[in-house]
Amino acid sequence: MPVAVGAGESGPSPNASPEGGAPQEGAPAAAAPPVAAIATAHPAATQAGVAILAAGGNAFDAAVAVSAALAVVEPYSSGLGGGGFWLLHEASTGRDLMVDGRERAPLAATATMYLDADGQFDPQASLNGPLAAGIPGEPAALVHIGEQYGRLPLAKSLAPAIRLAREGFAVDPIYRRMAHWRLEVLRASPAAARQFLSDGEVPAEGLLIRQPDLAKVLEAIAANGHAGFYQGAIAEALVTGTRAAGGIWSLEDMTAYRVVEREPIVGHYQGWRITSAAPPSSGGVALVQMLNMLTALEARLGPADSEVDRVHRLVEVMRRAYRDRARYLGDPDQVTMPIERLTHPFYASGLARDIDPSHATPSQPVSSRPEGPHTTHFSILDDEGNRVAATLSINYPFGSGFVPPGTGVLLNDEMDDFSAQPGIPNAYGLVGGEANAIAPGKRMLSSMSPTFATSADSVVILGTPGGSRIITMVLHGILAAVAGGEPEGWVSAPRFHHQYLPDEVLFESGAFDEATQGALSARGHRLSSSERRFGNMQLIAWDRARGVVQAVSDPRGIGVAEVRAVPESAPP
């Protein structure tokens, strides 16, 4: 349950925290929120962001602090050796932009690098060890956001993460579960084993994980910005260590890396404006497609008459959006994509026209391997109205499992997000086409979908980890916000997902009752119950009409949401 907080007070909660006074009757929507709010997947990251806001930083400074802290305390989800997308809103200009810190393929990468002697895809090669790693983008993104949009020195914003790396954080049950899953891969890298294991075994709960090498890298970034990571001794250590273990990185890869600012994807649904990640994320395009198809179905068939009808429609729009994801989407710097057509309501009407209201549209089944709660998301709103939704990743839990000696930087295995062999599913069952084939310097397609949903009176900041399920989970969050109710319910509700291939509806326990399951099966849907709950949504909702801000951290994880007033006397 949310914890009520009075005016001028502050209140953390493991799951939710609301704040704001009751407005006068008929009061206009507020131009700025009465408080600031942060929701992240780890308590230490939330506290890092709160500390930076209290020190006079804005949402963008706090985003740097939170990202860096998560890189330390959630090594199974994100890190300096990974990347992500940061969706920003500047209150002073009203501008929305996306900072693309996605990894790039090394310049020595080839389209066939993960095929065996028989020309078949070797999934282990794109998941484990340094050959699986793209060139990291997170360090460049943190520097860019801090220097271009923050107002505190980078050293100030990175200080909480540096302290966490030096002093350590306590192992929790999620860490232990992820380390057990990737134990053999971590053992294969001596530096990773020393950093993340205890005598080669999964650490006991409560043990402090200290990362002095990572602290030094963070200090170098704090002192020297972009060059602190991508040039000099650290870049040389990363390249040397990677190549010595079979990787293909070069110093040219490091010096050439730059973040890209991109225009977000924008769509509309029932009076709400949806702003989400642009390619190389597939999230914004797929979300707008699905919402446009739902609008077309409502116009053709009217509102859904039952829960079965509602779920059936959602599954069918998910199916079609993921089919287009595989067909068309990739790195916008290397692939021409028909984005305007894909996101146009007329195109969605055509896709929705062949949706049978009583029968599922068949897709050819393809087997896939299970995925875990890798990746991470956070949401931030400051008391000026600046906001950030950011989804960060190193792909599989603990990424590639490889740490170049002396760096403390755990490398991603994002190369698996390419279509190493078009038509063959990756680790998450996603099938891709030529648009997402491996090429030197290319950014791999992603499902990360940091999103803003805004109406005349409301602002919602949301996102979640979850691999291929991210986009549909964000869709559920948007639809819940449009329908109304309390944000805690939007985040905690059981979820279901369809991604075209494999042709199955994956659902959490409690998502469907027995009668709904039976009715969906009768319509031709193949149902698959998930043994574990999926996702870890971090959401902030600002009701501008009532002057209420609520922050919610998904009960599926250990995250913390905080809403608190920022002192007016905070130092600049």
Protein backbone atom coordinates (compact mmCIF):
# COMPACT_ATOMS: atom_id res chain seq x y z
CA MET A 1 0.00 0.00 0.00
CA PRO A 2 1.21 3.57 -0.60
CA VAL A 3 2.47 5.55 2.38
CA ALA A 4 0.73 8.90 2.81
CA VAL A 5 3.08 11.84 3.35
CA GLY A 6 2.09 15.27 4.58
CA ALA A 7 3.05 18.58 3.00
CA GLY A 8 6.68 19.48 3.56
CA GLU A 9 7.54 15.96 4.72
CA SER A 10 9.30 13.16 2.93
CA GLY A 11 8.58 9.49 2.73
CA PRO A 12 10.34 6.46 1.30
CA SER A 13 8.57 3.18 0.68
CA PRO A 14 9.85 -0.10 -0.73
CA ASN A 15 7.03 0.04 -3.24
CA ALA A 16 5.20 3.39 -3.35
CA SER A 17 5.28 6.91 -1.99
CA PRO A 18 2.71 9.67 -2.67
CA GLU A 19 2.86 13.32 -1.72
CA GLY A 20 0.95 16.51 -2.46
CA GLY A 21 -1.73 18.67 -0.90
CA ALA A 22 -5.38 18.77 -1.95
CA PRO A 23 -6.01 21.51 -4.54
CA GLN A 24 -8.78 24.04 -4.40
CA GLU A 25 -11.95 23.20 -6.31
CA GLY A 26 -11.52 24.07 -9.98
CA ALA A 27 -7.82 24.91 -9.59
CA PRO A 28 -5.83 24.88 -12.87
CA ALA A 29 -3.26 22.20 -13.52
CA ALA A 30 0.04 23.03 -11.83
CA ALA A 31 2.94 24.16 -14.03
CA ALA A 32 5.49 22.55 -11.74
CA PRO A 33 5.18 19.64 -9.31
CA PRO A 34 5.06 20.39 -5.57
CA VAL A 35 7.80 17.83 -4.90
CA ALA A 36 10.49 15.72 -6.55
CA ALA A 37 10.23 11.95 -7.01
CA ILE A 38 12.56 9.06 -7.79
CA ALA A 39 11.79 5.38 -8.37
CA THR A 40 14.65 2.94 -9.00
CA ALA A 41 15.28 -0.78 -8.77
CA HIS A 42 17.67 -0.55 -5.81
CA PRO A 43 17.50 1.38 -2.50
CA ALA A 44 21.10 2.59 -2.80
CA ALA A 45 20.45 4.05 -6.25
CA THR A 46 17.34 5.87 -5.03
CA GLN A 47 19.32 7.34 -2.14
CA ALA A 48 22.06 8.45 -4.55
CA GLY A 49 19.51 10.35 -6.60
CA VAL A 50 17.86 11.89 -3.55
CA ALA A 51 21.25 13.07 -2.28
CA ILE A 52 22.02 14.82 -5.55
CA LEU A 53 18.63 16.56 -5.62
CA ALA A 54 19.19 17.68 -2.03
CA ALA A 55 22.58 19.05 -3.07
CA GLY A 56 20.93 21.33 -5.62
CA GLY A 57 21.06 19.07 -8.64
CA ASN A 58 18.24 18.73 -11.14
CA ALA A 59 16.65 15.57 -12.55
CA PHE A 60 19.50 15.19 -15.04
CA ASP A 61 22.20 15.33 -12.37
CA ALA A 62 20.17 12.80 -10.38
CA ALA A 63 19.93 10.58 -13.48
CA VAL A 64 23.74 10.51 -13.70
CA ALA A 65 23.98 9.60 -10.01
CA VAL A 66 21.31 6.90 -10.23
CA SER A 67 22.75 5.36 -13.41
CA ALA A 68 26.23 5.17 -11.91
CA ALA A 69 24.96 3.78 -8.61
CA LEU A 70 22.99 1.07 -10.41
CA ALA A 71 26.18 0.23 -12.33
CA VAL A 72 27.75 -0.60 -8.97
CA VAL A 73 24.95 -2.33 -7.04
CA GLU A 74 23.13 -4.12 -9.89
CA PRO A 75 25.99 -5.69 -11.90
CA TYR A 76 23.57 -8.30 -13.18
CA SER A 77 21.44 -5.59 -14.83
CA SER A 78 23.51 -2.64 -16.03
CA GLY A 79 26.95 -1.11 -15.77
CA LEU A 80 29.73 0.99 -17.22
CA GLY A 81 30.36 -1.91 -19.59
CA GLY A 82 26.84 -1.60 -21.02
CA GLY A 83 24.51 1.03 -22.41
CA GLY A 84 20.96 2.32 -22.48
CA PHE A 85 18.48 4.98 -23.48
CA TRP A 86 17.79 8.12 -21.42
CA LEU A 87 14.53 9.90 -22.28
CA LEU A 88 14.70 13.53 -21.10
CA HIS A 89 12.14 16.32 -20.76
CA GLU A 90 13.35 19.89 -20.22
CA ALA A 91 10.71 21.85 -18.32
CA SER A 92 12.07 25.26 -19.34
CA THR A 93 11.78 24.55 -23.09
CA GLY A 94 9.19 21.75 -23.19
CA ARG A 95 11.65 19.74 -25.28
CA ASP A 96 11.72 15.95 -25.24
CA LEU A 97 14.85 14.13 -26.44
CA MET A 98 16.44 10.72 -26.24
CA VAL A 99 20.10 10.23 -25.40
CA ASP A 100 21.15 7.08 -27.25
CA GLY A 101 23.94 5.41 -25.29
CA ARG A 102 23.42 2.04 -26.96
CA GLU A 103 26.46 -0.14 -27.52
CA ARG A 104 28.05 -0.42 -30.97
CA ALA A 105 29.48 -3.46 -32.71
CA PRO A 106 33.29 -3.42 -32.81
CA LEU A 107 34.75 -2.27 -36.12
CA ALA A 108 36.15 -5.78 -36.63
CA ALA A 109 32.68 -7.37 -36.32
CA THR A 110 31.34 -9.41 -39.24
CA ALA A 111 27.91 -10.70 -40.16
CA THR A 112 29.08 -14.33 -39.75
CA MET A 113 31.12 -14.02 -36.55
CA TYR A 114 28.75 -16.19 -34.50
CA LEU A 115 28.25 -18.95 -37.07
CA ASP A 116 30.02 -22.28 -36.67
CA ALA A 117 31.90 -24.23 -39.32
CA ASP A 118 28.59 -25.52 -40.69
CA GLY A 119 27.17 -22.00 -40.99
CA GLN A 120 24.82 -22.43 -38.02
CA PHE A 121 24.32 -19.89 -35.23
CA ASP A 122 26.29 -20.68 -32.06
CA PRO A 123 24.27 -19.00 -29.26
CA GLN A 124 27.02 -19.37 -26.64
CA ALA A 125 29.45 -17.29 -28.70
CA SER A 126 27.16 -14.23 -28.64
CA LEU A 127 26.37 -14.55 -24.92
CA ASN A 128 29.53 -15.53 -23.05
CA GLY A 129 32.99 -13.99 -22.95
CA PRO A 130 34.51 -10.87 -24.53
CA LEU A 131 33.57 -11.73 -28.12
CA ALA A 132 29.93 -11.13 -27.10
CA ALA A 133 30.57 -7.53 -26.01
CA GLY A 134 29.70 -4.37 -27.90
CA ILE A 135 31.51 -1.09 -27.26
CA PRO A 136 29.93 0.40 -24.09
CA GLY A 137 27.86 3.59 -24.27
CA GLU A 138 26.88 4.26 -20.66
CA PRO A 139 30.01 6.20 -19.62
CA ALA A 140 29.65 8.53 -22.63
CA ALA A 141 25.96 9.04 -21.89
CA LEU A 142 26.57 9.96 -18.26
CA VAL A 143 29.17 12.54 -19.25
CA HIS A 144 26.93 13.96 -21.97
CA ILE A 145 23.85 14.26 -19.75
CA GLY A 146 25.79 15.76 -16.88
CA GLU A 147 27.66 18.31 -18.99
CA GLN A 148 24.82 19.30 -21.31
CA TYR A 149 21.78 19.21 -19.01
CA GLY A 150 22.94 18.99 -15.40
CA ARG A 151 24.10 21.85 -13.24
CA LEU A 152 26.44 20.08 -10.81
CA PRO A 153 30.04 19.05 -11.51
CA LEU A 154 30.31 15.48 -12.76
CA ALA A 155 32.46 14.60 -9.77
CA LYS A 156 29.59 15.57 -7.46
CA SER A 157 27.03 13.44 -9.31
CA LEU A 158 29.35 10.42 -9.44
CA ALA A 159 30.41 10.66 -5.79
CA PRO A 160 27.67 8.32 -4.42
CA ALA A 161 28.59 5.59 -6.91
CA ILE A 162 32.31 5.95 -6.17
CA ARG A 163 31.57 5.57 -2.46
CA LEU A 164 29.41 2.49 -3.08
CA ALA A 165 32.14 0.89 -5.18
CA ARG A 166 34.79 1.51 -2.52
CA GLU A 167 32.77 0.75 0.61
CA GLY A 168 30.68 -2.03 -0.87
CA PHE A 169 27.05 -3.08 -0.99
CA ALA A 170 25.38 -6.08 0.62
CA VAL A 171 24.49 -9.15 -1.42
CA ASP A 172 20.73 -9.67 -1.59
CA PRO A 173 18.61 -12.63 -2.76
CA ILE A 174 18.29 -11.29 -6.32
CA TYR A 175 22.07 -10.96 -6.62
CA ARG A 176 22.50 -14.53 -5.40
CA ARG A 177 19.92 -15.89 -7.84
CA MET A 178 21.50 -14.11 -10.80
CA ALA A 179 25.04 -15.10 -9.79
CA HIS A 180 23.98 -18.73 -9.47
CA TRP A 181 22.44 -18.61 -12.93
CA ARG A 182 25.67 -17.25 -14.47
CA LEU A 183 28.10 -18.95 -12.08
CA GLU A 184 30.14 -20.91 -14.63
CA VAL A 185 30.48 -17.90 -16.93
CA LEU A 186 31.68 -15.70 -14.06
CA ARG A 187 34.14 -18.39 -12.99
CA ALA A 188 35.60 -18.42 -16.50
CA SER A 189 36.83 -14.82 -16.04
CA PRO A 190 39.33 -14.64 -13.14
CA ALA A 191 38.76 -10.90 -12.67
CA ALA A 192 34.97 -11.34 -12.65
CA ALA A 193 35.20 -14.24 -10.21
CA ARG A 194 37.28 -12.18 -7.77
CA GLN A 195 34.89 -9.24 -8.09
CA PHE A 196 31.51 -10.93 -7.89
CA LEU A 197 32.03 -14.35 -6.27
CA SER A 198 33.40 -15.57 -2.95
CA ASP A 199 36.13 -18.19 -3.39
CA GLY A 200 34.54 -19.13 -6.69
CA GLU A 201 31.08 -19.59 -5.20
CA VAL A 202 27.91 -17.51 -4.98
CA PRO A 203 28.42 -15.03 -2.12
CA ALA A 204 26.37 -15.37 1.03
CA GLU A 205 23.53 -12.96 1.59
CA GLY A 206 24.77 -9.85 3.38
CA LEU A 207 28.39 -10.16 2.21
CA LEU A 208 29.81 -6.81 1.06
CA ILE A 209 30.85 -6.62 -2.58
CA ARG A 210 33.64 -4.07 -2.87
CA GLN A 211 34.91 -2.97 -6.29
CA PRO A 212 38.02 -0.79 -5.93
CA ASP A 213 38.98 -1.11 -9.61
CA LEU A 214 35.53 0.10 -10.66
CA ALA A 215 35.83 3.01 -8.22
CA LYS A 216 39.05 4.07 -9.97
CA VAL A 217 37.30 4.02 -13.36
CA LEU A 218 34.46 6.14 -11.99
CA GLU A 219 37.00 8.57 -10.54
CA ALA A 220 38.72 8.83 -13.92
CA ILE A 221 35.40 9.67 -15.58
CA ALA A 222 34.66 12.22 -12.85
CA ALA A 223 38.04 13.88 -13.41
CA ASN A 224 38.40 13.63 -17.18
CA GLY A 225 34.90 13.14 -18.60
CA HIS A 226 34.58 11.18 -21.84
CA ALA A 227 38.36 10.81 -22.23
CA GLY A 228 38.58 9.24 -18.76
CA PHE A 229 36.98 6.07 -20.11
CA TYR A 230 37.46 6.06 -23.88
CA GLN A 231 41.08 7.21 -24.02
CA GLY A 232 44.26 6.71 -22.04
CA ALA A 233 45.14 3.99 -19.57
CA ILE A 234 41.61 2.72 -18.94
CA ALA A 235 40.78 2.38 -22.63
CA GLU A 236 44.07 0.58 -23.18
CA ALA A 237 43.39 -1.82 -20.30
CA LEU A 238 39.90 -2.56 -21.61
CA VAL A 239 41.13 -3.26 -25.13
CA THR A 240 44.21 -5.25 -24.05
CA GLY A 241 42.25 -7.40 -21.61
CA THR A 242 39.46 -8.03 -24.07
CA ARG A 243 41.77 -9.01 -26.94
CA ALA A 244 43.89 -11.26 -24.73
CA ALA A 245 40.77 -13.30 -23.95
CA GLY A 246 39.58 -13.62 -27.56
CA GLY A 247 37.72 -10.36 -28.10
CA ILE A 248 38.03 -8.01 -31.08
CA TRP A 249 37.95 -4.53 -29.53
CA SER A 250 40.39 -1.84 -30.66
CA LEU A 251 41.45 1.57 -29.41
CA GLU A 252 39.78 3.00 -32.52
CA ASP A 253 36.49 1.50 -31.31
CA MET A 254 36.87 3.34 -28.02
CA THR A 255 37.90 6.74 -29.36
CA ALA A 256 35.18 6.64 -32.04
CA TYR A 257 32.27 6.07 -29.63
CA ARG A 258 29.82 8.95 -29.27
CA VAL A 259 26.28 9.19 -27.91
CA VAL A 260 23.57 10.37 -30.29
CA GLU A 261 20.66 12.63 -29.42
CA ARG A 262 17.52 11.46 -31.20
CA GLU A 263 13.96 12.69 -31.56
CA PRO A 264 11.64 10.37 -29.63
CA ILE A 265 8.75 8.50 -31.23
CA VAL A 266 5.42 10.22 -30.49
CA GLY A 267 1.88 8.87 -30.77
CA HIS A 268 -1.57 9.56 -29.35
CA TYR A 269 -4.24 7.45 -27.69
CA GLN A 270 -7.54 8.56 -26.15
CA GLY A 271 -6.35 12.09 -25.44
CA TRP A 272 -2.90 11.03 -24.20
CA ARG A 273 0.42 11.83 -25.84
CA ILE A 274 2.87 8.91 -25.77
CA THR A 275 6.56 9.80 -26.04
CA SER A 276 8.93 6.86 -26.18
CA ALA A 277 12.30 5.60 -27.36
CA ALA A 278 13.26 5.83 -31.04
CA PRO A 279 15.36 3.32 -33.00
CA PRO A 280 17.68 1.65 -32.30
CA SER A 281 14.98 0.96 -29.73
CA SER A 282 11.97 -0.82 -31.17
CA GLY A 283 9.87 0.29 -28.20
CA GLY A 284 8.39 3.57 -29.39
CA VAL A 285 7.47 2.30 -32.85
CA ALA A 286 5.86 -0.86 -31.47
CA LEU A 287 3.95 1.01 -28.75
CA VAL A 288 2.52 3.53 -31.21
CA GLN A 289 1.61 0.75 -33.62
CA MET A 290 -0.21 -1.20 -30.92
CA LEU A 291 -2.10 1.83 -29.63
CA ASN A 292 -3.05 2.83 -33.17
CA MET A 293 -4.34 -0.68 -33.85
CA LEU A 294 -6.39 -0.62 -30.66
CA THR A 295 -7.92 2.68 -31.78
CA ALA A 296 -8.76 1.15 -35.16
CA LEU A 297 -10.34 -1.90 -33.52
CA GLU A 298 -12.42 0.28 -31.22
CA ALA A 299 -13.68 2.21 -34.25
CA ARG A 300 -14.49 -0.98 -36.18
CA LEU A 301 -15.80 -3.22 -33.39
CA GLY A 302 -16.61 -0.86 -30.54
CA PRO A 303 -15.30 -1.27 -26.99
CA ALA A 304 -14.31 -4.77 -25.88
CA ASP A 305 -17.38 -6.50 -24.46
CA SER A 306 -15.53 -8.79 -22.07
CA GLU A 307 -12.15 -9.50 -20.51
CA VAL A 308 -11.61 -12.25 -23.09
CA ASP A 309 -12.26 -9.79 -25.92
CA ARG A 310 -9.88 -7.26 -24.36
CA VAL A 311 -7.06 -9.79 -23.98
CA HIS A 312 -7.66 -11.23 -27.46
CA ARG A 313 -7.33 -7.78 -29.03
CA LEU A 314 -4.18 -6.99 -27.08
CA VAL A 315 -2.54 -10.27 -28.06
CA GLU A 316 -3.32 -9.72 -31.73
CA VAL A 317 -1.93 -6.17 -31.79
CA MET A 318 1.17 -7.37 -29.94
CA ARG A 319 1.62 -10.13 -32.52
CA ARG A 320 1.55 -7.72 -35.46
CA ALA A 321 3.82 -5.10 -33.88
CA TYR A 322 6.49 -7.70 -33.11
CA ARG A 323 6.25 -9.06 -36.64
CA ASP A 324 7.03 -5.59 -37.99
CA ARG A 325 9.82 -5.21 -35.44
CA ALA A 326 11.58 -8.19 -36.99
CA ARG A 327 10.93 -7.06 -40.56
CA TYR A 328 11.90 -3.41 -40.51
CA LEU A 329 13.77 -2.10 -37.47
CA GLY A 330 17.48 -1.62 -36.84
CA ASP A 331 20.15 1.07 -36.37
CA PRO A 332 18.84 4.33 -37.90
CA ASP A 333 22.40 5.37 -38.76
CA GLN A 334 22.85 2.34 -41.01
CA VAL A 335 19.38 1.17 -42.02
CA THR A 336 16.56 2.97 -43.84
CA MET A 337 13.30 2.34 -41.99
CA PRO A 338 9.73 3.37 -42.91
CA ILE A 339 9.08 4.91 -39.48
CA GLU A 340 6.48 7.41 -40.66
CA ARG A 341 4.49 4.63 -42.33
CA LEU A 342 4.84 2.19 -39.44
CA THR A 343 3.55 4.74 -36.92
CA HIS A 344 0.75 6.18 -39.09
CA PRO A 345 -2.86 5.46 -38.04
CA PHE A 346 -3.76 4.46 -41.62
CA TYR A 347 -1.12 1.71 -41.59
CA ALA A 348 -2.40 0.48 -38.23
CA SER A 349 -5.93 0.38 -39.60
CA GLY A 350 -4.71 -1.92 -42.33
CA LEU A 351 -2.97 -4.19 -39.83
CA ALA A 352 -6.07 -4.29 -37.63
CA ARG A 353 -8.44 -5.02 -40.51
CA ASP A 354 -7.50 -8.71 -40.64
CA ILE A 355 -7.83 -9.25 -36.87
CA ASP A 356 -10.60 -11.80 -36.41
CA PRO A 357 -12.52 -10.88 -33.25
CA SER A 358 -13.14 -14.56 -32.51
CA HIS A 359 -9.98 -16.38 -33.62
CA ALA A 360 -6.22 -16.06 -33.12
CA THR A 361 -4.00 -15.39 -36.12
CA PRO A 362 -1.52 -18.30 -36.28
CA SER A 363 2.25 -17.76 -36.08
CA GLN A 364 4.77 -20.52 -36.63
CA PRO A 365 6.06 -21.68 -33.22
CA VAL A 366 9.78 -21.27 -32.48
CA SER A 367 11.39 -22.49 -29.27
CA SER A 368 13.21 -20.00 -27.06
CA ARG A 369 15.34 -19.98 -23.95
CA PRO A 370 14.05 -18.37 -20.75
CA GLU A 371 15.12 -14.90 -19.73
CA GLY A 372 15.79 -13.33 -16.37
CA PRO A 373 15.26 -9.95 -14.71
CA HIS A 374 18.29 -8.38 -16.38
CA THR A 375 18.28 -4.71 -17.45
CA THR A 376 17.08 -1.93 -15.13
CA HIS A 377 14.89 1.16 -15.25
CA PHE A 378 14.47 4.32 -13.23
CA SER A 379 12.15 7.33 -13.33
CA ILE A 380 12.86 10.83 -11.99
CA LEU A 381 10.80 14.02 -11.66
CA ASP A 382 12.29 17.14 -10.08
CA ASP A 383 10.36 20.03 -8.56
CA GLU A 384 10.92 22.16 -11.68
CA GLY A 385 9.15 19.60 -13.86
CA ASN A 386 12.26 18.17 -15.53
CA ARG A 387 11.90 14.45 -15.97
CA VAL A 388 13.91 11.39 -16.95
CA ALA A 389 12.89 7.87 -17.89
CA ALA A 390 15.91 5.64 -18.43
CA THR A 391 16.31 1.96 -19.24
CA LEU A 392 19.84 0.55 -19.02
CA SER A 393 21.25 -2.89 -19.74
CA ILE A 394 24.17 -5.24 -20.16
CA ASN A 395 21.75 -7.79 -21.72
CA TYR A 396 21.91 -11.21 -20.05
CA PRO A 397 22.38 -11.35 -16.25
CA PHE A 398 25.98 -10.30 -15.54
CA GLY A 399 26.35 -9.58 -19.25
CA SER A 400 29.14 -11.54 -20.91
CA GLY A 401 30.52 -12.50 -17.49
CA PHE A 402 33.90 -11.05 -18.47
CA VAL A 403 35.91 -8.33 -16.72
CA PRO A 404 39.14 -7.08 -18.35
CA PRO A 405 41.78 -7.37 -15.61
CA GLY A 406 42.38 -4.26 -13.54
CA THR A 407 39.31 -2.37 -14.75
CA GLY A 408 36.39 -3.64 -12.67
CA VAL A 409 34.20 -3.10 -15.75
CA LEU A 410 31.85 -6.01 -16.44
CA LEU A 411 31.27 -6.22 -20.18
CA ASN A 412 27.88 -6.56 -21.85
CA ASP A 413 26.79 -9.32 -24.22
CA GLU A 414 24.59 -7.06 -26.32
CA MET A 415 25.93 -8.53 -29.56
CA ASP A 416 23.26 -11.19 -29.03
CA ASP A 417 20.65 -8.54 -29.78
CA PHE A 418 21.74 -8.52 -33.41
CA SER A 419 20.25 -10.99 -35.88
CA ALA A 420 23.34 -13.17 -36.05
CA GLN A 421 21.43 -15.42 -38.43
CA PRO A 422 18.23 -13.86 -39.81
CA GLY A 423 15.19 -15.99 -38.98
CA ILE A 424 16.87 -17.70 -35.99
CA PRO A 425 15.76 -16.57 -32.50
CA ASN A 426 18.21 -14.97 -30.07
CA ALA A 427 18.39 -15.66 -26.32
CA TYR A 428 14.93 -14.13 -25.83
CA GLY A 429 13.19 -15.91 -28.68
CA LEU A 430 13.20 -12.74 -30.80
CA VAL A 431 13.60 -13.29 -34.51
CA GLY A 432 15.23 -10.58 -36.61
CA GLY A 433 15.85 -9.79 -40.24
CA GLU A 434 18.53 -8.16 -42.35
CA ALA A 435 17.80 -4.69 -40.90
CA ASN A 436 19.33 -5.87 -37.62
CA ALA A 437 22.18 -7.94 -39.05
CA ILE A 438 25.67 -7.47 -37.58
CA ALA A 439 27.82 -4.76 -39.20
CA PRO A 440 30.91 -2.86 -38.02
CA GLY A 441 30.06 0.11 -35.79
CA LYS A 442 26.35 -0.66 -35.88
CA ARG A 443 24.01 -0.26 -32.92
CA MET A 444 21.97 -3.38 -32.20
CA LEU A 445 18.17 -3.25 -31.99
CA SER A 446 16.73 -3.03 -28.48
CA SER A 447 13.42 -3.46 -26.68
CA MET A 448 14.21 -0.88 -24.00
CA SER A 449 11.28 1.54 -23.88
CA PRO A 450 11.59 4.47 -21.45
CA THR A 451 8.32 6.36 -21.90
CA PHE A 452 6.38 9.49 -20.97
CA ALA A 453 2.56 9.40 -21.11
CA THR A 454 0.98 12.83 -20.75
CA SER A 455 -2.53 14.26 -20.88
CA ALA A 456 -3.98 17.67 -20.11
CA ASP A 457 -3.83 16.96 -16.39
CA SER A 458 -1.40 14.07 -15.94
CA VAL A 459 2.25 13.14 -16.43
CA VAL A 460 3.36 9.51 -16.15
CA ILE A 461 7.04 8.45 -16.33
CA LEU A 462 7.54 4.73 -16.72
CA GLY A 463 9.60 1.83 -17.96
CA THR A 464 10.78 -1.63 -16.97
CA PRO A 465 13.40 -4.28 -17.63
CA GLY A 466 12.37 -7.61 -19.09
CA GLY A 467 14.04 -8.25 -22.45
CA SER A 468 11.55 -8.88 -25.22
CA ARG A 469 8.65 -8.35 -22.77
CA ILE A 470 9.55 -4.73 -22.03
CA ILE A 471 7.39 -3.22 -24.76
CA THR A 472 4.22 -5.08 -23.84
CA MET A 473 4.71 -4.35 -20.14
CA VAL A 474 4.98 -0.64 -20.91
CA LEU A 475 1.84 -0.99 -23.04
CA HIS A 476 0.02 -2.45 -20.02
CA GLY A 477 1.23 0.49 -17.92
CA ILE A 478 0.03 3.06 -20.46
CA LEU A 479 -3.40 1.44 -20.80
CA ALA A 480 -3.77 1.31 -17.01
CA ALA A 481 -2.89 5.00 -16.72
CA VAL A 482 -5.43 5.89 -19.40
CA ALA A 483 -8.09 3.83 -17.61
CA GLY A 484 -7.40 5.63 -14.30
CA GLY A 485 -7.11 4.28 -10.79
CA GLU A 486 -4.10 4.21 -8.51
CA PRO A 487 -0.53 3.92 -9.84
CA GLU A 488 0.29 1.15 -7.38
CA GLY A 489 -2.24 -1.03 -9.19
CA TRP A 490 -0.82 -0.17 -12.61
CA VAL A 491 2.60 -1.42 -11.55
CA SER A 492 1.62 -4.51 -9.56
CA ALA A 493 -1.06 -5.98 -11.86
CA PRO A 494 -0.25 -9.41 -13.38
CA ARG A 495 1.00 -9.22 -16.96
CA PHE A 496 0.80 -11.14 -20.22
CA HIS A 497 2.87 -10.98 -23.38
CA HIS A 498 3.00 -12.09 -27.02
CA GLN A 499 5.91 -11.42 -29.39
CA TYR A 500 4.80 -13.11 -32.65
CA LEU A 501 7.40 -15.87 -32.33
CA PRO A 502 7.14 -18.12 -30.41
CA ASP A 503 3.37 -18.20 -30.96
CA GLU A 504 2.30 -18.27 -27.33
CA VAL A 505 0.73 -16.00 -24.76
CA LEU A 506 3.08 -15.91 -21.79
CA PHE A 507 1.29 -14.86 -18.60
CA GLU A 508 2.01 -14.37 -14.93
CA SER A 509 0.12 -16.20 -12.24
CA GLY A 510 -3.15 -14.37 -11.60
CA ALA A 511 -3.31 -12.67 -14.99
CA PHE A 512 -6.15 -14.93 -16.21
CA ASP A 513 -8.73 -16.92 -14.31
CA GLU A 514 -9.63 -20.42 -15.48
CA ALA A 515 -12.64 -19.26 -17.47
CA THR A 516 -10.55 -16.69 -19.36
CA GLN A 517 -7.85 -19.25 -20.06
CA GLY A 518 -10.41 -21.64 -21.45
CA ALA A 519 -12.03 -18.99 -23.64
CA LEU A 520 -8.65 -17.84 -25.01
CA SER A 521 -7.66 -21.42 -25.79
CA ALA A 522 -10.96 -21.91 -27.60
CA ARG A 523 -10.07 -18.93 -29.83
CA GLY A 524 -6.83 -20.62 -30.82
CA HIS A 525 -4.37 -18.99 -28.44
CA ARG A 526 -1.62 -21.18 -26.99
CA LEU A 527 -1.09 -20.21 -23.34
CA SER A 528 2.13 -20.54 -21.36
CA SER A 529 2.20 -19.80 -17.64
CA SER A 530 5.39 -18.15 -16.38
CA GLU A 531 6.97 -19.79 -13.36
CA ARG A 532 8.35 -16.43 -12.26
CA ARG A 533 6.85 -12.97 -12.28
CA PHE A 534 8.49 -10.73 -14.84
CA GLY A 535 9.38 -7.07 -15.04
CA ASN A 536 10.44 -4.49 -12.47
CA MET A 537 8.56 -1.31 -13.37
CA GLN A 538 9.57 2.04 -11.87
CA LEU A 539 6.83 4.65 -12.31
CA ILE A 540 6.08 8.24 -11.32
CA ALA A 541 2.61 9.77 -11.75
CA TRP A 542 1.99 13.50 -11.38
CA ASP A 543 -1.66 14.49 -11.22
CA ARG A 544 -1.28 18.14 -12.19
CA ALA A 545 -4.94 18.95 -11.56
CA ARG A 546 -4.87 17.74 -7.95
CA GLY A 547 -1.24 18.61 -7.22
CA VAL A 548 -0.38 15.03 -6.26
CA VAL A 549 2.83 13.16 -7.13
CA GLN A 550 3.12 9.41 -6.59
CA ALA A 551 6.17 7.22 -7.16
CA VAL A 552 5.90 3.44 -7.29
CA SER A 553 8.57 0.75 -7.38
CA ASP A 554 7.47 -2.66 -8.62
CA PRO A 555 6.77 -5.12 -5.76
CA ARG A 556 8.42 -7.81 -7.90
CA GLY A 557 11.81 -6.28 -7.06
CA ILE A 558 13.66 -4.68 -4.16
CA GLY A 559 13.47 -1.12 -5.46
CA VAL A 560 12.50 1.98 -3.51
CA ALA A 561 10.40 4.97 -4.53
CA GLU A 562 10.73 8.31 -2.76
CA VAL A 563 8.77 11.53 -3.02
CA ARG A 564 10.08 14.50 -1.08
CA ALA A 565 10.27 18.25 -0.99
CA VAL A 566 13.60 19.71 -2.07
CA PRO A 567 14.80 22.52 0.25
CA GLU A 568 14.66 25.93 -1.38
CA SER A 569 17.99 26.70 0.23
CA ALA A 570 19.76 23.83 -1.53
CA PRO A 571 23.18 24.98 -2.73
CA PRO A 572 23.58 25.69 -6.49
